[in-house]
Amino acid sequence: MTESVRPSDLVQDSFPDSVLSARPSEDDILEAMKDVVDPELMVNVVDLGLVYGVTIDDEANTTIDMTLTSPTCPLTDQLEYNTQLALDGLVNSVTINWVWLPPWSLEMITEDGREQLRSIGYNL
């Protein structure tokens, strides 16, 4: 007696791991990071000058060298979470490498960042 095969027996329940087909550029990463807003200053981390560097490997895993306006900032977890959200679907994984040198200063803010700060009342 032969066993019959049902169509549902042919369906595989496992799906391939989600792997991005295209490696994003540094500009793609920086543009996405503009969605990550410093919760105290209400300006994105790119225009504040907090992103010091971006490294992307061949598998679209990304390491971001980033600093804070103050080493005692209590909001690193929130910034890490928001970075993960901003880069979801763009990279396979993201790691933030918190760096302290050179120390962040007002000179690192872009002109767009300065305009954003002026619009909320800061005098730069």
PDB file of N, CA and C in Angstrom:
ATOM      1  N   MET A   1       0.842  -1.162   0.000  1.00  0.00           N
ATOM      2  CA  MET A   1       0.000   0.000   0.000  1.00  0.00           C
ATOM      3  C   MET A   1       0.894   1.233   0.000  1.00  0.00           C
ATOM      4  N   THR A   2       0.650   2.138  -0.929  1.00  0.00           N
ATOM      5  CA  THR A   2       1.456   3.347  -1.010  1.00  0.00           C
ATOM      6  C   THR A   2       0.791   4.457  -0.228  1.00  0.00           C
ATOM      7  N   GLU A   3       1.637   5.247   0.386  1.00  0.00           N
ATOM      8  CA  GLU A   3       1.138   6.369   1.181  1.00  0.00           C
ATOM      9  C   GLU A   3       0.961   7.567   0.263  1.00  0.00           C
ATOM     10  N   SER A   4      -0.172   8.215   0.330  1.00  0.00           N
ATOM     11  CA  SER A   4      -0.390   9.378  -0.529  1.00  0.00           C
ATOM     12  C   SER A   4       0.186  10.629   0.130  1.00  0.00           C
ATOM     13  N   VAL A   5       0.636  11.505  -0.698  1.00  0.00           N
ATOM     14  CA  VAL A   5       1.212  12.767  -0.226  1.00  0.00           C
ATOM     15  C   VAL A   5       0.152  13.840  -0.368  1.00  0.00           C
ATOM     16  N   ARG A   6      -0.076  14.538   0.722  1.00  0.00           N
ATOM     17  CA  ARG A   6      -1.031  15.645   0.686  1.00  0.00           C
ATOM     18  C   ARG A   6      -0.284  16.925   0.347  1.00  0.00           C
ATOM     19  N   PRO A   7      -0.949  17.884  -0.294  1.00  0.00           N
ATOM     20  CA  PRO A   7      -0.274  19.158  -0.611  1.00  0.00           C
ATOM     21  C   PRO A   7       0.310  19.851   0.626  1.00  0.00           C
ATOM     22  N   SER A   8      -0.366  19.743   1.753  1.00  0.00           N
ATOM     23  CA  SER A   8       0.135  20.407   2.955  1.00  0.00           C
ATOM     24  C   SER A   8       1.440  19.785   3.453  1.00  0.00           C
ATOM     25  N   ASP A   9       1.716  18.522   3.054  1.00  0.00           N
ATOM     26  CA  ASP A   9       2.971  17.884   3.441  1.00  0.00           C
ATOM     27  C   ASP A   9       4.164  18.486   2.706  1.00  0.00           C
ATOM     28  N   LEU A  10       3.893  19.160   1.609  1.00  0.00           N
ATOM     29  CA  LEU A  10       4.961  19.744   0.805  1.00  0.00           C
ATOM     30  C   LEU A  10       5.363  21.145   1.269  1.00  0.00           C
ATOM     31  N   VAL A  11       4.571  21.721   2.147  1.00  0.00           N
ATOM     32  CA  VAL A  11       4.844  23.079   2.632  1.00  0.00           C
ATOM     33  C   VAL A  11       5.903  23.017   3.721  1.00  0.00           C
ATOM     34  N   GLN A  12       6.917  23.846   3.585  1.00  0.00           N
ATOM     35  CA  GLN A  12       7.958  23.909   4.603  1.00  0.00           C
ATOM     36  C   GLN A  12       7.601  24.987   5.611  1.00  0.00           C
ATOM     37  N   ASP A  13       7.786  24.674   6.865  1.00  0.00           N
ATOM     38  CA  ASP A  13       7.488  25.626   7.927  1.00  0.00           C
ATOM     39  C   ASP A  13       8.646  26.552   8.232  1.00  0.00           C
ATOM     40  N   SER A  14       9.813  26.260   7.757  1.00  0.00           N
ATOM     41  CA  SER A  14      10.957  27.113   8.067  1.00  0.00           C
ATOM     42  C   SER A  14      11.158  28.128   6.949  1.00  0.00           C
ATOM     43  N   PHE A  15      11.520  29.295   7.340  1.00  0.00           N
ATOM     44  CA  PHE A  15      11.768  30.383   6.412  1.00  0.00           C
ATOM     45  C   PHE A  15      13.229  30.780   6.521  1.00  0.00           C
ATOM     46  N   PRO A  16      13.817  31.228   5.431  1.00  0.00           N
ATOM     47  CA  PRO A  16      15.219  31.652   5.521  1.00  0.00           C
ATOM     48  C   PRO A  16      15.349  32.877   6.415  1.00  0.00           C
ATOM     49  N   ASP A  17      16.497  32.975   7.049  1.00  0.00           N
ATOM     50  CA  ASP A  17      16.763  34.167   7.852  1.00  0.00           C
ATOM     51  C   ASP A  17      16.700  35.388   6.953  1.00  0.00           C
ATOM     52  N   SER A  18      16.208  36.470   7.527  1.00  0.00           N
ATOM     53  CA  SER A  18      16.113  37.707   6.767  1.00  0.00           C
ATOM     54  C   SER A  18      17.513  38.291   6.580  1.00  0.00           C
ATOM     55  N   VAL A  19      17.952  38.323   5.350  1.00  0.00           N
ATOM     56  CA  VAL A  19      19.258  38.881   5.030  1.00  0.00           C
ATOM     57  C   VAL A  19      19.051  39.917   3.948  1.00  0.00           C
ATOM     58  N   LEU A  20      19.605  41.072   4.147  1.00  0.00           N
ATOM     59  CA  LEU A  20      19.447  42.137   3.176  1.00  0.00           C
ATOM     60  C   LEU A  20      20.216  41.815   1.907  1.00  0.00           C
ATOM     61  N   SER A  21      19.620  42.179   0.788  1.00  0.00           N
ATOM     62  CA  SER A  21      20.279  41.883  -0.477  1.00  0.00           C
ATOM     63  C   SER A  21      21.259  42.982  -0.883  1.00  0.00           C
ATOM     64  N   ALA A  22      21.036  44.198  -0.423  1.00  0.00           N
ATOM     65  CA  ALA A  22      21.918  45.304  -0.804  1.00  0.00           C
ATOM     66  C   ALA A  22      22.587  45.887   0.435  1.00  0.00           C
ATOM     67  N   ARG A  23      23.852  46.181   0.293  1.00  0.00           N
ATOM     68  CA  ARG A  23      24.608  46.812   1.377  1.00  0.00           C
ATOM     69  C   ARG A  23      24.308  48.303   1.350  1.00  0.00           C
ATOM     70  N   PRO A  24      23.838  48.881   2.468  1.00  0.00           N
ATOM     71  CA  PRO A  24      23.558  50.316   2.479  1.00  0.00           C
ATOM     72  C   PRO A  24      24.848  51.126   2.466  1.00  0.00           C
ATOM     73  N   SER A  25      24.748  52.359   2.019  1.00  0.00           N
ATOM     74  CA  SER A  25      25.901  53.253   2.032  1.00  0.00           C
ATOM     75  C   SER A  25      25.953  54.000   3.362  1.00  0.00           C
ATOM     76  N   GLU A  26      27.078  54.638   3.604  1.00  0.00           N
ATOM     77  CA  GLU A  26      27.194  55.466   4.810  1.00  0.00           C
ATOM     78  C   GLU A  26      26.153  56.587   4.781  1.00  0.00           C
ATOM     79  N   ASP A  27      25.903  57.162   3.606  1.00  0.00           N
ATOM     80  CA  ASP A  27      24.880  58.212   3.490  1.00  0.00           C
ATOM     81  C   ASP A  27      23.495  57.682   3.837  1.00  0.00           C
ATOM     82  N   ASP A  28      23.197  56.431   3.435  1.00  0.00           N
ATOM     83  CA  ASP A  28      21.912  55.817   3.794  1.00  0.00           C
ATOM     84  C   ASP A  28      21.768  55.710   5.313  1.00  0.00           C
ATOM     85  N   ILE A  29      22.840  55.286   5.956  1.00  0.00           N
ATOM     86  CA  ILE A  29      22.828  55.128   7.414  1.00  0.00           C
ATOM     87  C   ILE A  29      22.640  56.489   8.082  1.00  0.00           C
ATOM     88  N   LEU A  30      23.409  57.478   7.647  1.00  0.00           N
ATOM     89  CA  LEU A  30      23.314  58.808   8.253  1.00  0.00           C
ATOM     90  C   LEU A  30      21.936  59.421   8.043  1.00  0.00           C
ATOM     91  N   GLU A  31      21.360  59.214   6.883  1.00  0.00           N
ATOM     92  CA  GLU A  31      20.011  59.752   6.630  1.00  0.00           C
ATOM     93  C   GLU A  31      18.996  59.094   7.564  1.00  0.00           C
ATOM     94  N   ALA A  32      19.101  57.790   7.745  1.00  0.00           N
ATOM     95  CA  ALA A  32      18.200  57.088   8.663  1.00  0.00           C
ATOM     96  C   ALA A  32      18.419  57.527  10.105  1.00  0.00           C
ATOM     97  N   MET A  33      19.668  57.815  10.452  1.00  0.00           N
ATOM     98  CA  MET A  33      19.985  58.242  11.823  1.00  0.00           C
ATOM     99  C   MET A  33      19.414  59.620  12.153  1.00  0.00           C
ATOM    100  N   LYS A  34      18.987  60.360  11.151  1.00  0.00           N
ATOM    101  CA  LYS A  34      18.336  61.654  11.415  1.00  0.00           C
ATOM    102  C   LYS A  34      16.979  61.471  12.089  1.00  0.00           C
ATOM    103  N   ASP A  35      16.491  60.228  12.136  1.00  0.00           N
ATOM    104  CA  ASP A  35      15.258  59.928  12.867  1.00  0.00           C
ATOM    105  C   ASP A  35      15.519  59.717  14.356  1.00  0.00           C
ATOM    106  N   VAL A  36      16.792  59.656  14.746  1.00  0.00           N
ATOM    107  CA  VAL A  36      17.155  59.468  16.156  1.00  0.00           C
ATOM    108  C   VAL A  36      17.381  60.849  16.760  1.00  0.00           C
ATOM    109  N   VAL A  37      16.491  61.230  17.651  1.00  0.00           N
ATOM    110  CA  VAL A  37      16.504  62.578  18.224  1.00  0.00           C
ATOM    111  C   VAL A  37      17.034  62.531  19.653  1.00  0.00           C
ATOM    112  N   ASP A  38      17.958  63.447  19.947  1.00  0.00           N
ATOM    113  CA  ASP A  38      18.438  63.590  21.319  1.00  0.00           C
ATOM    114  C   ASP A  38      17.248  64.041  22.162  1.00  0.00           C
ATOM    115  N   PRO A  39      16.861  63.267  23.191  1.00  0.00           N
ATOM    116  CA  PRO A  39      15.657  63.584  23.958  1.00  0.00           C
ATOM    117  C   PRO A  39      15.750  64.865  24.790  1.00  0.00           C
ATOM    118  N   GLU A  40      16.961  65.341  25.030  1.00  0.00           N
ATOM    119  CA  GLU A  40      17.096  66.577  25.813  1.00  0.00           C
ATOM    120  C   GLU A  40      17.102  67.815  24.921  1.00  0.00           C
ATOM    121  N   LEU A  41      17.811  67.742  23.808  1.00  0.00           N
ATOM    122  CA  LEU A  41      17.939  68.912  22.941  1.00  0.00           C
ATOM    123  C   LEU A  41      16.932  68.928  21.796  1.00  0.00           C
ATOM    124  N   MET A  42      16.273  67.791  21.553  1.00  0.00           N
ATOM    125  CA  MET A  42      15.235  67.668  20.524  1.00  0.00           C
ATOM    126  C   MET A  42      15.752  67.936  19.109  1.00  0.00           C
ATOM    127  N   VAL A  43      16.992  67.568  18.854  1.00  0.00           N
ATOM    128  CA  VAL A  43      17.618  67.662  17.534  1.00  0.00           C
ATOM    129  C   VAL A  43      18.217  66.292  17.249  1.00  0.00           C
ATOM    130  N   ASN A  44      18.207  65.893  15.986  1.00  0.00           N
ATOM    131  CA  ASN A  44      18.717  64.563  15.655  1.00  0.00           C
ATOM    132  C   ASN A  44      20.223  64.465  15.915  1.00  0.00           C
ATOM    133  N   VAL A  45      20.660  63.235  16.155  1.00  0.00           N
ATOM    134  CA  VAL A  45      22.050  62.992  16.552  1.00  0.00           C
ATOM    135  C   VAL A  45      23.054  63.302  15.447  1.00  0.00           C
ATOM    136  N   VAL A  46      22.632  63.234  14.192  1.00  0.00           N
ATOM    137  CA  VAL A  46      23.541  63.549  13.084  1.00  0.00           C
ATOM    138  C   VAL A  46      23.812  65.052  13.063  1.00  0.00           C
ATOM    139  N   ASP A  47      22.765  65.859  13.104  1.00  0.00           N
ATOM    140  CA  ASP A  47      22.952  67.308  13.058  1.00  0.00           C
ATOM    141  C   ASP A  47      23.549  67.868  14.341  1.00  0.00           C
ATOM    142  N   LEU A  48      23.428  67.144  15.438  1.00  0.00           N
ATOM    143  CA  LEU A  48      24.114  67.567  16.664  1.00  0.00           C
ATOM    144  C   LEU A  48      25.610  67.258  16.606  1.00  0.00           C
ATOM    145  N   GLY A  49      26.020  66.451  15.635  1.00  0.00           N
ATOM    146  CA  GLY A  49      27.433  66.089  15.523  1.00  0.00           C
ATOM    147  C   GLY A  49      27.835  64.970  16.461  1.00  0.00           C
ATOM    148  N   LEU A  50      26.866  64.149  16.882  1.00  0.00           N
ATOM    149  CA  LEU A  50      27.158  63.071  17.817  1.00  0.00           C
ATOM    150  C   LEU A  50      27.639  61.801  17.118  1.00  0.00           C
ATOM    151  N   VAL A  51      27.406  61.684  15.818  1.00  0.00           N
ATOM    152  CA  VAL A  51      27.855  60.509  15.071  1.00  0.00           C
ATOM    153  C   VAL A  51      29.242  60.810  14.514  1.00  0.00           C
ATOM    154  N   TYR A  52      30.225  60.061  14.988  1.00  0.00           N
ATOM    155  CA  TYR A  52      31.616  60.289  14.590  1.00  0.00           C
ATOM    156  C   TYR A  52      32.045  59.414  13.424  1.00  0.00           C
ATOM    157  N   GLY A  53      31.385  58.285  13.216  1.00  0.00           N
ATOM    158  CA  GLY A  53      31.784  57.407  12.126  1.00  0.00           C
ATOM    159  C   GLY A  53      30.829  56.252  11.946  1.00  0.00           C
ATOM    160  N   VAL A  54      30.806  55.699  10.729  1.00  0.00           N
ATOM    161  CA  VAL A  54      29.952  54.565  10.389  1.00  0.00           C
ATOM    162  C   VAL A  54      30.804  53.538   9.643  1.00  0.00           C
ATOM    163  N   THR A  55      30.734  52.287  10.087  1.00  0.00           N
ATOM    164  CA  THR A  55      31.413  51.188   9.414  1.00  0.00           C
ATOM    165  C   THR A  55      30.359  50.157   9.032  1.00  0.00           C
ATOM    166  N   ILE A  56      30.385  49.720   7.769  1.00  0.00           N
ATOM    167  CA  ILE A  56      29.423  48.741   7.273  1.00  0.00           C
ATOM    168  C   ILE A  56      30.217  47.586   6.668  1.00  0.00           C
ATOM    169  N   ASP A  57      29.974  46.360   7.156  1.00  0.00           N
ATOM    170  CA  ASP A  57      30.696  45.225   6.571  1.00  0.00           C
ATOM    171  C   ASP A  57      29.922  44.659   5.374  1.00  0.00           C
ATOM    172  N   ASP A  58      30.458  43.623   4.765  1.00  0.00           N
ATOM    173  CA  ASP A  58      29.874  43.050   3.551  1.00  0.00           C
ATOM    174  C   ASP A  58      28.505  42.411   3.787  1.00  0.00           C
ATOM    175  N   GLU A  59      28.201  42.058   5.029  1.00  0.00           N
ATOM    176  CA  GLU A  59      26.896  41.468   5.345  1.00  0.00           C
ATOM    177  C   GLU A  59      25.900  42.511   5.852  1.00  0.00           C
ATOM    178  N   ALA A  60      26.202  43.790   5.683  1.00  0.00           N
ATOM    179  CA  ALA A  60      25.339  44.900   6.112  1.00  0.00           C
ATOM    180  C   ALA A  60      25.178  44.966   7.626  1.00  0.00           C
ATOM    181  N   ASN A  61      26.210  44.535   8.355  1.00  0.00           N
ATOM    182  CA  ASN A  61      26.263  44.753   9.796  1.00  0.00           C
ATOM    183  C   ASN A  61      26.981  46.084   9.994  1.00  0.00           C
ATOM    184  N   THR A  62      26.459  46.903  10.872  1.00  0.00           N
ATOM    185  CA  THR A  62      26.944  48.271  10.997  1.00  0.00           C
ATOM    186  C   THR A  62      27.426  48.570  12.409  1.00  0.00           C
ATOM    187  N   THR A  63      28.535  49.277  12.490  1.00  0.00           N
ATOM    188  CA  THR A  63      29.025  49.810  13.763  1.00  0.00           C
ATOM    189  C   THR A  63      29.041  51.324  13.634  1.00  0.00           C
ATOM    190  N   ILE A  64      28.447  51.981  14.612  1.00  0.00           N
ATOM    191  CA  ILE A  64      28.388  53.440  14.609  1.00  0.00           C
ATOM    192  C   ILE A  64      29.211  53.953  15.783  1.00  0.00           C
ATOM    193  N   ASP A  65      30.216  54.782  15.480  1.00  0.00           N
ATOM    194  CA  ASP A  65      30.957  55.478  16.528  1.00  0.00           C
ATOM    195  C   ASP A  65      30.149  56.715  16.874  1.00  0.00           C
ATOM    196  N   MET A  66      29.736  56.784  18.125  1.00  0.00           N
ATOM    197  CA  MET A  66      28.855  57.869  18.536  1.00  0.00           C
ATOM    198  C   MET A  66      29.254  58.350  19.920  1.00  0.00           C
ATOM    199  N   THR A  67      28.984  59.603  20.185  1.00  0.00           N
ATOM    200  CA  THR A  67      29.269  60.174  21.491  1.00  0.00           C
ATOM    201  C   THR A  67      27.994  60.791  22.038  1.00  0.00           C
ATOM    202  N   LEU A  68      28.099  61.394  23.179  1.00  0.00           N
ATOM    203  CA  LEU A  68      26.977  62.075  23.823  1.00  0.00           C
ATOM    204  C   LEU A  68      27.401  63.500  24.159  1.00  0.00           C
ATOM    205  N   THR A  69      26.426  64.353  24.387  1.00  0.00           N
ATOM    206  CA  THR A  69      26.762  65.729  24.762  1.00  0.00           C
ATOM    207  C   THR A  69      27.440  65.757  26.123  1.00  0.00           C
ATOM    208  N   SER A  70      27.194  64.725  26.933  1.00  0.00           N
ATOM    209  CA  SER A  70      27.829  64.614  28.247  1.00  0.00           C
ATOM    210  C   SER A  70      28.055  63.141  28.570  1.00  0.00           C
ATOM    211  N   PRO A  71      29.222  62.782  29.083  1.00  0.00           N
ATOM    212  CA  PRO A  71      29.460  61.374  29.443  1.00  0.00           C
ATOM    213  C   PRO A  71      28.521  60.868  30.534  1.00  0.00           C
ATOM    214  N   THR A  72      27.884  61.756  31.256  1.00  0.00           N
ATOM    215  CA  THR A  72      26.973  61.344  32.326  1.00  0.00           C
ATOM    216  C   THR A  72      25.518  61.284  31.859  1.00  0.00           C
ATOM    217  N   CYS A  73      25.295  61.362  30.564  1.00  0.00           N
ATOM    218  CA  CYS A  73      23.943  61.329  30.017  1.00  0.00           C
ATOM    219  C   CYS A  73      23.245  60.024  30.412  1.00  0.00           C
ATOM    220  N   PRO A  74      22.062  60.111  31.015  1.00  0.00           N
ATOM    221  CA  PRO A  74      21.360  58.900  31.451  1.00  0.00           C
ATOM    222  C   PRO A  74      20.510  58.253  30.351  1.00  0.00           C
ATOM    223  N   LEU A  75      20.583  58.762  29.128  1.00  0.00           N
ATOM    224  CA  LEU A  75      19.655  58.327  28.090  1.00  0.00           C
ATOM    225  C   LEU A  75      20.281  57.446  27.014  1.00  0.00           C
ATOM    226  N   THR A  76      21.411  56.810  27.316  1.00  0.00           N
ATOM    227  CA  THR A  76      22.068  55.973  26.301  1.00  0.00           C
ATOM    228  C   THR A  76      21.170  54.819  25.859  1.00  0.00           C
ATOM    229  N   ASP A  77      20.436  54.213  26.787  1.00  0.00           N
ATOM    230  CA  ASP A  77      19.557  53.097  26.418  1.00  0.00           C
ATOM    231  C   ASP A  77      18.493  53.545  25.423  1.00  0.00           C
ATOM    232  N   GLN A  78      17.937  54.717  25.632  1.00  0.00           N
ATOM    233  CA  GLN A  78      16.920  55.232  24.723  1.00  0.00           C
ATOM    234  C   GLN A  78      17.515  55.519  23.340  1.00  0.00           C
ATOM    235  N   LEU A  79      18.694  56.091  23.302  1.00  0.00           N
ATOM    236  CA  LEU A  79      19.348  56.360  22.020  1.00  0.00           C
ATOM    237  C   LEU A  79      19.697  55.060  21.294  1.00  0.00           C
ATOM    238  N   GLU A  80      20.140  54.048  22.032  1.00  0.00           N
ATOM    239  CA  GLU A  80      20.439  52.749  21.417  1.00  0.00           C
ATOM    240  C   GLU A  80      19.171  52.123  20.837  1.00  0.00           C
ATOM    241  N   TYR A  81      18.087  52.166  21.588  1.00  0.00           N
ATOM    242  CA  TYR A  81      16.818  51.610  21.124  1.00  0.00           C
ATOM    243  C   TYR A  81      16.328  52.348  19.878  1.00  0.00           C
ATOM    244  N   ASN A  82      16.363  53.670  19.900  1.00  0.00           N
ATOM    245  CA  ASN A  82      15.909  54.455  18.755  1.00  0.00           C
ATOM    246  C   ASN A  82      16.796  54.243  17.527  1.00  0.00           C
ATOM    247  N   THR A  83      18.081  54.004  17.752  1.00  0.00           N
ATOM    248  CA  THR A  83      18.990  53.689  16.643  1.00  0.00           C
ATOM    249  C   THR A  83      18.608  52.350  16.022  1.00  0.00           C
ATOM    250  N   GLN A  84      18.337  51.363  16.853  1.00  0.00           N
ATOM    251  CA  GLN A  84      17.905  50.054  16.345  1.00  0.00           C
ATOM    252  C   GLN A  84      16.638  50.210  15.498  1.00  0.00           C
ATOM    253  N   LEU A  85      15.687  50.986  15.976  1.00  0.00           N
ATOM    254  CA  LEU A  85      14.438  51.211  15.227  1.00  0.00           C
ATOM    255  C   LEU A  85      14.702  51.926  13.907  1.00  0.00           C
ATOM    256  N   ALA A  86      15.530  52.950  13.938  1.00  0.00           N
ATOM    257  CA  ALA A  86      15.789  53.746  12.735  1.00  0.00           C
ATOM    258  C   ALA A  86      16.476  52.927  11.647  1.00  0.00           C
ATOM    259  N   LEU A  87      17.301  51.970  12.042  1.00  0.00           N
ATOM    260  CA  LEU A  87      18.078  51.202  11.069  1.00  0.00           C
ATOM    261  C   LEU A  87      17.473  49.830  10.762  1.00  0.00           C
ATOM    262  N   ASP A  88      16.354  49.507  11.401  1.00  0.00           N
ATOM    263  CA  ASP A  88      15.689  48.229  11.162  1.00  0.00           C
ATOM    264  C   ASP A  88      15.278  48.118   9.691  1.00  0.00           C
ATOM    265  N   GLY A  89      15.681  47.038   9.053  1.00  0.00           N
ATOM    266  CA  GLY A  89      15.381  46.826   7.649  1.00  0.00           C
ATOM    267  C   GLY A  89      16.426  47.398   6.703  1.00  0.00           C
ATOM    268  N   LEU A  90      17.272  48.265   7.222  1.00  0.00           N
ATOM    269  CA  LEU A  90      18.336  48.855   6.411  1.00  0.00           C
ATOM    270  C   LEU A  90      19.647  48.082   6.588  1.00  0.00           C
ATOM    271  N   VAL A  91      19.867  47.601   7.811  1.00  0.00           N
ATOM    272  CA  VAL A  91      21.065  46.828   8.128  1.00  0.00           C
ATOM    273  C   VAL A  91      20.650  45.528   8.802  1.00  0.00           C
ATOM    274  N   ASN A  92      21.552  44.558   8.799  1.00  0.00           N
ATOM    275  CA  ASN A  92      21.257  43.296   9.487  1.00  0.00           C
ATOM    276  C   ASN A  92      21.430  43.422  10.997  1.00  0.00           C
ATOM    277  N   SER A  93      22.422  44.188  11.418  1.00  0.00           N
ATOM    278  CA  SER A  93      22.634  44.427  12.843  1.00  0.00           C
ATOM    279  C   SER A  93      23.347  45.759  13.005  1.00  0.00           C
ATOM    280  N   VAL A  94      23.177  46.332  14.189  1.00  0.00           N
ATOM    281  CA  VAL A  94      23.860  47.595  14.477  1.00  0.00           C
ATOM    282  C   VAL A  94      24.456  47.534  15.878  1.00  0.00           C
ATOM    283  N   THR A  95      25.677  48.027  15.985  1.00  0.00           N
ATOM    284  CA  THR A  95      26.364  48.143  17.264  1.00  0.00           C
ATOM    285  C   THR A  95      26.791  49.585  17.420  1.00  0.00           C
ATOM    286  N   ILE A  96      26.530  50.147  18.583  1.00  0.00           N
ATOM    287  CA  ILE A  96      27.010  51.497  18.864  1.00  0.00           C
ATOM    288  C   ILE A  96      28.282  51.382  19.686  1.00  0.00           C
ATOM    289  N   ASN A  97      29.323  52.004  19.174  1.00  0.00           N
ATOM    290  CA  ASN A  97      30.600  52.093  19.871  1.00  0.00           C
ATOM    291  C   ASN A  97      30.643  53.487  20.497  1.00  0.00           C
ATOM    292  N   TRP A  98      30.372  53.573  21.797  1.00  0.00           N
ATOM    293  CA  TRP A  98      30.372  54.868  22.480  1.00  0.00           C
ATOM    294  C   TRP A  98      31.808  55.349  22.623  1.00  0.00           C
ATOM    295  N   VAL A  99      32.077  56.532  22.099  1.00  0.00           N
ATOM    296  CA  VAL A  99      33.420  57.105  22.149  1.00  0.00           C
ATOM    297  C   VAL A  99      33.379  58.458  22.850  1.00  0.00           C
ATOM    298  N   TRP A 100      34.497  58.822  23.412  1.00  0.00           N
ATOM    299  CA  TRP A 100      34.555  60.075  24.178  1.00  0.00           C
ATOM    300  C   TRP A 100      35.626  61.022  23.666  1.00  0.00           C
ATOM    301  N   LEU A 101      36.429  60.583  22.707  1.00  0.00           N
ATOM    302  CA  LEU A 101      37.460  61.440  22.144  1.00  0.00           C
ATOM    303  C   LEU A 101      37.263  61.542  20.643  1.00  0.00           C
ATOM    304  N   PRO A 102      37.267  62.686  20.070  1.00  0.00           N
ATOM    305  CA  PRO A 102      37.355  63.956  20.783  1.00  0.00           C
ATOM    306  C   PRO A 102      36.051  64.242  21.524  1.00  0.00           C
ATOM    307  N   PRO A 103      36.147  65.007  22.608  1.00  0.00           N
ATOM    308  CA  PRO A 103      34.931  65.348  23.339  1.00  0.00           C
ATOM    309  C   PRO A 103      34.016  66.196  22.460  1.00  0.00           C
ATOM    310  N   TRP A 104      32.720  65.956  22.600  1.00  0.00           N
ATOM    311  CA  TRP A 104      31.737  66.710  21.837  1.00  0.00           C
ATOM    312  C   TRP A 104      31.770  68.178  22.257  1.00  0.00           C
ATOM    313  N   SER A 105      31.562  69.077  21.297  1.00  0.00           N
ATOM    314  CA  SER A 105      31.470  70.510  21.596  1.00  0.00           C
ATOM    315  C   SER A 105      30.447  71.140  20.655  1.00  0.00           C
ATOM    316  N   LEU A 106      30.069  72.363  20.945  1.00  0.00           N
ATOM    317  CA  LEU A 106      29.074  73.077  20.135  1.00  0.00           C
ATOM    318  C   LEU A 106      29.520  73.245  18.686  1.00  0.00           C
ATOM    319  N   GLU A 107      30.816  73.265  18.440  1.00  0.00           N
ATOM    320  CA  GLU A 107      31.328  73.434  17.083  1.00  0.00           C
ATOM    321  C   GLU A 107      30.976  72.252  16.181  1.00  0.00           C
ATOM    322  N   MET A 108      30.606  71.126  16.751  1.00  0.00           N
ATOM    323  CA  MET A 108      30.298  69.929  15.970  1.00  0.00           C
ATOM    324  C   MET A 108      28.870  69.931  15.410  1.00  0.00           C
ATOM    325  N   ILE A 109      28.054  70.865  15.852  1.00  0.00           N
ATOM    326  CA  ILE A 109      26.667  70.940  15.381  1.00  0.00           C
ATOM    327  C   ILE A 109      26.656  71.478  13.950  1.00  0.00           C
ATOM    328  N   THR A 110      25.898  70.817  13.073  1.00  0.00           N
ATOM    329  CA  THR A 110      25.790  71.270  11.683  1.00  0.00           C
ATOM    330  C   THR A 110      24.954  72.549  11.630  1.00  0.00           C
ATOM    331  N   GLU A 111      24.980  73.214  10.490  1.00  0.00           N
ATOM    332  CA  GLU A 111      24.162  74.419  10.336  1.00  0.00           C
ATOM    333  C   GLU A 111      22.677  74.078  10.463  1.00  0.00           C
ATOM    334  N   ASP A 112      22.266  72.925   9.926  1.00  0.00           N
ATOM    335  CA  ASP A 112      20.866  72.492  10.099  1.00  0.00           C
ATOM    336  C   ASP A 112      20.534  72.300  11.573  1.00  0.00           C
ATOM    337  N   GLY A 113      21.460  71.721  12.308  1.00  0.00           N
ATOM    338  CA  GLY A 113      21.251  71.538  13.741  1.00  0.00           C
ATOM    339  C   GLY A 113      21.147  72.860  14.476  1.00  0.00           C
ATOM    340  N   ARG A 114      21.965  73.816  14.074  1.00  0.00           N
ATOM    341  CA  ARG A 114      21.917  75.148  14.694  1.00  0.00           C
ATOM    342  C   ARG A 114      20.568  75.815  14.435  1.00  0.00           C
ATOM    343  N   GLU A 115      20.070  75.659  13.215  1.00  0.00           N
ATOM    344  CA  GLU A 115      18.757  76.230  12.881  1.00  0.00           C
ATOM    345  C   GLU A 115      17.658  75.581  13.709  1.00  0.00           C
ATOM    346  N   GLN A 116      17.747  74.276  13.885  1.00  0.00           N
ATOM    347  CA  GLN A 116      16.749  73.568  14.695  1.00  0.00           C
ATOM    348  C   GLN A 116      16.796  74.049  16.141  1.00  0.00           C
ATOM    349  N   LEU A 117      17.997  74.232  16.669  1.00  0.00           N
ATOM    350  CA  LEU A 117      18.131  74.710  18.047  1.00  0.00           C
ATOM    351  C   LEU A 117      17.617  76.147  18.191  1.00  0.00           C
ATOM    352  N   ARG A 118      17.914  76.969  17.206  1.00  0.00           N
ATOM    353  CA  ARG A 118      17.415  78.362  17.249  1.00  0.00           C
ATOM    354  C   ARG A 118      15.902  78.398  17.231  1.00  0.00           C
ATOM    355  N   SER A 119      15.299  77.494  16.449  1.00  0.00           N
ATOM    356  CA  SER A 119      13.838  77.494  16.324  1.00  0.00           C
ATOM    357  C   SER A 119      13.137  77.113  17.621  1.00  0.00           C
ATOM    358  N   ILE A 120      13.866  76.435  18.531  1.00  0.00           N
ATOM    359  CA  ILE A 120      13.252  76.084  19.814  1.00  0.00           C
ATOM    360  C   ILE A 120      13.779  76.960  20.956  1.00  0.00           C
ATOM    361  N   GLY A 121      14.474  78.041  20.580  1.00  0.00           N
ATOM    362  CA  GLY A 121      14.828  79.034  21.586  1.00  0.00           C
ATOM    363  C   GLY A 121      16.268  79.092  22.030  1.00  0.00           C
ATOM    364  N   TYR A 122      17.149  78.248  21.505  1.00  0.00           N
ATOM    365  CA  TYR A 122      18.559  78.319  21.881  1.00  0.00           C
ATOM    366  C   TYR A 122      19.235  79.452  21.090  1.00  0.00           C
ATOM    367  N   ASN A 123      20.157  80.137  21.736  1.00  0.00           N
ATOM    368  CA  ASN A 123      20.886  81.227  21.106  1.00  0.00           C
ATOM    369  C   ASN A 123      22.290  80.746  20.743  1.00  0.00           C
ATOM    370  N   LEU A 124      22.459  80.394  19.468  1.00  0.00           N
ATOM    371  CA  LEU A 124      23.774  79.902  19.017  1.00  0.00           C
ATOM    372  C   LEU A 124      24.370  80.860  18.008  1.00  0.00           C
TER     373      LEU A 124
END
